[in-house]
Amino acid sequence: MSAQLVAAPAELDFLHCDGTVVTAPMTAFQAYCAMTSHVPGWLAVAFRLRDGISRRFHVAAIHGFSSRRPQQVPAVGELLDFFTVEAISDRQLVLTSRDTHLAVMVSLDLAEAGLGRQHLRVTTSVQCFNRFGRLYMLPVGKAHGPIVRRMLRNIA
């Protein structure tokens, strides 16, 4: 299964892909829950800073990731933290966040890696619609890779 993107590759303003080997059996949703199970303090502060700055530009607060697990597996169209669930199966979880400035899609994809292991791939794609979206992505784009790598460590 290949990752879903928010737009055609030529139309993207940001694309990042990272992954890890998963040794315990899990679904894509369980992988997301594991990734968000521990949010480091510096990331929580970064989300509060993001919300404070964005509020001045009439952008909704996202409040970051919740470390508590949902009571049930979400359905397409429901919220998972600040994302909308676009697609969900055992092997793939596709999430979006959209506003007037940009559209973000995160695709978590699991593939067999042999010897009872799976490979989890996290692909984030962004399409910016205006100057604010492009300015917003300058710091976010630089921080995104280290944030995803840190969250992937929660799975190990």
Protein backbone atom coordinates (compact mmCIF):
# COMPACT_ATOMS: atom_id res chain seq x y z
CA MET A 1 0.00 0.00 0.00
CA SER A 2 1.43 3.36 -0.93
CA ALA A 3 1.17 6.57 1.06
CA GLN A 4 -1.58 9.01 0.25
CA LEU A 5 -0.64 12.63 -0.46
CA VAL A 6 -2.71 15.78 0.01
CA ALA A 7 -2.07 16.79 -3.62
CA ALA A 8 -0.12 15.69 -6.66
CA PRO A 9 3.64 15.65 -5.95
CA ALA A 10 4.28 18.67 -8.21
CA GLU A 11 1.73 20.71 -6.20
CA LEU A 12 3.24 20.00 -2.76
CA ASP A 13 5.07 22.63 -0.75
CA PHE A 14 6.38 20.11 1.79
CA LEU A 15 6.93 16.36 1.78
CA HIS A 16 8.57 14.32 4.53
CA CYS A 17 8.82 10.57 4.96
CA ASP A 18 10.30 8.60 7.85
CA GLY A 19 9.83 5.15 9.27
CA THR A 20 10.82 2.43 11.65
CA VAL A 21 10.67 -1.32 12.04
CA VAL A 22 7.88 -2.50 14.33
CA THR A 23 8.57 -5.78 16.12
CA ALA A 24 5.21 -6.22 17.89
CA PRO A 25 2.07 -6.84 15.84
CA MET A 26 -0.04 -3.68 15.59
CA THR A 27 -2.45 -1.82 13.37
CA ALA A 28 -1.82 1.61 11.88
CA PHE A 29 -4.15 3.13 14.49
CA GLN A 30 -2.25 1.38 17.30
CA ALA A 31 1.00 2.72 15.83
CA TYR A 32 -0.44 6.27 15.93
CA CYS A 33 -1.52 5.75 19.56
CA ALA A 34 1.97 4.49 20.45
CA MET A 35 3.62 7.42 18.67
CA THR A 36 1.47 9.94 20.57
CA SER A 37 1.53 8.07 23.91
CA HIS A 38 4.26 10.30 25.31
CA VAL A 39 4.51 13.91 24.20
CA PRO A 40 7.78 15.47 25.36
CA GLY A 41 7.45 18.74 27.27
CA TRP A 42 9.29 20.72 24.59
CA LEU A 43 6.75 19.60 21.99
CA ALA A 44 3.80 20.56 24.19
CA VAL A 45 5.40 24.01 24.61
CA ALA A 46 5.91 24.27 20.84
CA PHE A 47 2.19 23.55 20.26
CA ARG A 48 1.19 26.21 22.83
CA LEU A 49 3.54 28.69 21.11
CA ARG A 50 2.08 27.75 17.72
CA ASP A 51 -1.46 28.25 18.99
CA GLY A 52 -0.59 31.62 20.56
CA ILE A 53 0.99 32.98 17.39
CA SER A 54 -1.61 31.48 15.06
CA ARG A 55 -4.51 32.92 17.09
CA ARG A 56 -3.36 36.41 16.03
CA PHE A 57 -3.92 35.36 12.41
CA HIS A 58 -7.36 33.86 13.11
CA VAL A 59 -6.12 30.27 12.82
CA ALA A 60 -7.83 27.74 15.07
CA ALA A 61 -5.86 26.31 17.98
CA ILE A 62 -4.88 22.65 17.64
CA HIS A 63 -3.69 22.00 21.22
CA GLY A 64 -1.24 19.29 20.13
CA PHE A 65 -1.43 15.57 20.72
CA SER A 66 -3.40 13.97 23.51
CA SER A 67 -1.56 11.15 25.26
CA ARG A 68 -4.85 9.48 26.23
CA ARG A 69 -6.08 6.76 23.92
CA PRO A 70 -9.50 7.07 22.29
CA GLN A 71 -12.19 4.82 23.74
CA GLN A 72 -12.70 3.21 20.33
CA VAL A 73 -11.14 3.16 16.90
CA PRO A 74 -12.25 6.32 15.08
CA ALA A 75 -14.29 6.19 11.90
CA VAL A 76 -13.74 8.13 8.69
CA GLY A 77 -14.79 11.75 9.25
CA GLU A 78 -14.16 11.70 13.01
CA LEU A 79 -11.44 13.68 14.77
CA LEU A 80 -8.27 12.12 16.12
CA ASP A 81 -6.46 14.81 18.09
CA PHE A 82 -6.48 17.76 15.66
CA PHE A 83 -6.74 15.62 12.53
CA THR A 84 -9.75 14.38 10.57
CA VAL A 85 -9.64 10.67 9.78
CA GLU A 86 -9.76 10.30 5.98
CA ALA A 87 -9.12 6.54 5.74
CA ILE A 88 -8.50 3.80 8.27
CA SER A 89 -7.64 0.11 7.99
CA ASP A 90 -5.31 -2.24 9.82
CA ARG A 91 -2.50 -1.30 7.40
CA GLN A 92 -3.15 2.42 6.82
CA LEU A 93 -4.31 5.50 8.71
CA VAL A 94 -4.74 8.71 6.71
CA LEU A 95 -5.27 11.96 8.59
CA THR A 96 -5.81 15.54 7.40
CA SER A 97 -5.87 19.02 8.83
CA ARG A 98 -7.11 21.81 6.58
CA ASP A 99 -7.70 25.54 6.92
CA THR A 100 -7.63 28.56 4.64
CA HIS A 101 -3.81 28.66 4.70
CA LEU A 102 -2.77 25.06 4.09
CA ALA A 103 -3.77 21.43 3.90
CA VAL A 104 -1.80 18.72 5.70
CA MET A 105 -2.06 14.98 5.18
CA VAL A 106 -0.32 12.35 7.28
CA SER A 107 -0.32 8.79 5.98
CA LEU A 108 0.77 5.98 8.33
CA ASP A 109 1.40 2.82 6.35
CA LEU A 110 2.38 -0.63 7.61
CA ALA A 111 4.05 -3.25 5.38
CA GLU A 112 5.38 -6.70 6.18
CA ALA A 113 9.15 -6.68 6.74
CA GLY A 114 9.65 -10.42 7.30
CA LEU A 115 10.41 -12.42 10.43
CA GLY A 116 7.19 -11.24 12.07
CA ARG A 117 8.17 -7.60 11.76
CA GLN A 118 6.44 -4.70 10.04
CA HIS A 119 7.79 -1.49 8.59
CA LEU A 120 5.90 1.65 9.58
CA ARG A 121 6.20 4.56 7.18
CA VAL A 122 4.95 8.03 8.12
CA THR A 123 4.49 10.37 5.16
CA THR A 124 3.49 14.00 5.66
CA SER A 125 2.50 16.17 2.72
CA VAL A 126 1.50 19.84 2.77
CA GLN A 127 -0.02 22.15 0.21
CA CYS A 128 0.09 25.88 1.04
CA PHE A 129 -2.63 28.18 -0.25
CA ASN A 130 -1.18 31.59 0.58
CA ARG A 131 1.75 33.54 2.04
CA PHE A 132 0.79 32.82 5.65
CA GLY A 133 0.78 29.08 4.92
CA ARG A 134 4.24 29.29 3.36
CA LEU A 135 5.59 31.39 6.27
CA TYR A 136 4.03 28.97 8.76
CA MET A 137 5.80 26.05 7.08
CA LEU A 138 9.27 27.65 7.33
CA PRO A 139 9.81 26.74 11.01
CA VAL A 140 7.39 23.80 10.98
CA GLY A 141 9.15 22.24 8.00
CA LYS A 142 12.52 22.39 9.78
CA ALA A 143 11.12 20.96 13.02
CA HIS A 144 8.94 18.28 11.48
CA GLY A 145 11.63 15.63 10.85
CA PRO A 146 13.03 15.68 14.41
CA ILE A 147 9.49 15.64 15.84
CA VAL A 148 8.47 12.59 13.79
CA ARG A 149 11.72 10.76 14.62
CA ARG A 150 11.14 11.46 18.34
CA MET A 151 7.56 10.19 18.13
CA LEU A 152 8.66 7.05 16.27
CA ARG A 153 10.90 6.22 19.24
CA ASN A 154 7.75 5.77 21.34
CA ILE A 155 6.99 2.63 19.34
CA ALA A 156 10.25 0.88 20.27
